[in-house]
Amino acid sequence: MSGVFMVRAVVADPSDRKKFDQWYQDEHLPDALKAFGAKGAWRGWSEVDPSVHYAVYEFDTIEQVRAISGSGELKALVAEFDRVWGKKVVRARDEVKVGQRIAA
């Protein structure tokens, strides 16, 4: 069964959101997609809470998702994220095993 790796980031200061959005678009998402070897990735802002940003990385198997945690690739991406954003952006990660997929 396929899996996804999700990152939820809270950009509390509205004045940081445009810069965060540009940085994530131009640097972080492409770098993470390549580092993880993901099948695809997408990101966006919550319509319910405009301070919340989601990034989702898609994989063929949940084992590929599980391999990210503790990997050198993740550690390097986290270090770069922390270098750029420090404590300004709080984030959480989740590993999701896809239980069902229905095509339209």
Protein backbone atom coordinates (compact mmCIF):
# COMPACT_ATOMS: atom_id res chain seq x y z
CA MET A 1 0.00 0.00 0.00
CA SER A 2 1.23 3.50 -0.79
CA GLY A 3 2.08 6.14 1.76
CA VAL A 4 2.53 9.84 2.26
CA PHE A 5 4.85 11.90 4.39
CA MET A 6 3.16 15.07 5.61
CA VAL A 7 4.61 18.20 7.17
CA ARG A 8 2.38 20.75 8.90
CA ALA A 9 4.07 24.09 9.51
CA VAL A 10 2.66 27.04 11.43
CA VAL A 11 3.95 30.41 10.26
CA ALA A 12 2.58 32.53 13.09
CA ASP A 13 3.80 35.93 11.93
CA PRO A 14 1.77 37.04 8.88
CA SER A 15 4.71 39.16 7.69
CA ASP A 16 6.79 35.95 7.25
CA ARG A 17 4.26 34.07 5.10
CA LYS A 18 5.17 35.52 1.70
CA LYS A 19 8.88 34.90 2.22
CA PHE A 20 8.18 31.39 3.60
CA ASP A 21 5.92 30.60 0.64
CA GLN A 22 8.55 31.70 -1.88
CA TRP A 23 11.36 29.84 -0.10
CA TYR A 24 9.32 26.65 0.15
CA GLN A 25 8.30 26.87 -3.50
CA ASP A 26 11.73 27.64 -4.93
CA GLU A 27 14.02 25.74 -2.57
CA HIS A 28 12.62 23.47 0.07
CA LEU A 29 9.93 21.49 -1.77
CA PRO A 30 12.17 20.70 -4.78
CA ASP A 31 15.09 19.81 -2.47
CA ALA A 32 12.94 17.57 -0.29
CA LEU A 33 11.32 15.86 -3.28
CA LYS A 34 14.75 14.99 -4.64
CA ALA A 35 16.28 14.03 -1.27
CA PHE A 36 13.39 11.73 -0.34
CA GLY A 37 13.06 10.19 -3.80
CA ALA A 38 9.32 10.81 -3.60
CA LYS A 39 6.97 9.97 -6.43
CA GLY A 40 5.48 13.46 -6.21
CA ALA A 41 4.91 16.35 -3.84
CA TRP A 42 2.49 19.19 -3.34
CA ARG A 43 1.95 21.93 -0.81
CA GLY A 44 -0.54 24.59 0.15
CA TRP A 45 -2.00 26.88 2.78
CA SER A 46 -5.00 26.06 4.95
CA GLU A 47 -8.21 27.85 4.08
CA VAL A 48 -9.36 27.40 7.71
CA ASP A 49 -6.23 28.78 9.39
CA PRO A 50 -4.08 30.96 7.12
CA SER A 51 -1.01 30.44 9.31
CA VAL A 52 -0.93 26.70 8.50
CA HIS A 53 1.09 25.36 5.57
CA TYR A 54 1.03 21.71 4.49
CA ALA A 55 3.54 19.79 2.39
CA VAL A 56 2.77 16.27 1.21
CA TYR A 57 5.20 13.79 -0.34
CA GLU A 58 3.82 10.70 -2.08
CA PHE A 59 5.49 7.28 -2.16
CA ASP A 60 4.71 3.88 -3.64
CA THR A 61 5.07 2.11 -0.28
CA ILE A 62 4.71 2.96 3.40
CA GLU A 63 8.17 1.45 3.93
CA GLN A 64 9.65 4.26 1.84
CA VAL A 65 7.87 6.76 4.08
CA ARG A 66 9.12 5.07 7.25
CA ALA A 67 12.69 5.17 5.93
CA ILE A 68 12.61 8.99 5.96
CA SER A 69 12.47 9.26 9.75
CA GLY A 70 16.00 9.45 11.12
CA SER A 71 17.55 9.50 7.65
CA GLY A 72 20.52 11.66 6.77
CA GLU A 73 18.41 13.35 4.10
CA LEU A 74 15.77 14.41 6.62
CA LYS A 75 18.41 15.58 9.09
CA ALA A 76 20.01 17.76 6.42
CA LEU A 77 16.67 19.25 5.37
CA VAL A 78 15.72 19.93 9.00
CA ALA A 79 19.08 21.60 9.61
CA GLU A 80 18.59 23.86 6.59
CA PHE A 81 15.00 24.64 7.60
CA ASP A 82 16.16 25.54 11.11
CA ARG A 83 19.01 27.66 9.74
CA VAL A 84 16.59 29.71 7.64
CA TRP A 85 13.55 29.83 9.97
CA GLY A 86 14.88 29.06 13.45
CA LYS A 87 12.03 29.03 15.96
CA LYS A 88 9.79 31.26 13.83
CA VAL A 89 8.04 28.26 12.26
CA VAL A 90 6.74 25.35 14.30
CA ARG A 91 6.19 22.11 12.43
CA ALA A 92 5.03 18.53 12.88
CA ARG A 93 5.50 15.50 10.67
CA ASP A 94 3.31 12.47 10.05
CA GLU A 95 3.58 9.20 8.16
CA VAL A 96 0.31 8.04 6.60
CA LYS A 97 -0.40 4.62 5.16
CA VAL A 98 -3.00 5.03 2.43
CA GLY A 99 -5.91 2.78 3.35
CA GLN A 100 -8.10 3.47 0.34
CA ARG A 101 -7.88 5.32 -2.93
CA ILE A 102 -10.81 5.87 -5.26
CA ALA A 103 -10.37 7.28 -8.75
CA ALA A 104 -12.93 9.77 -10.00
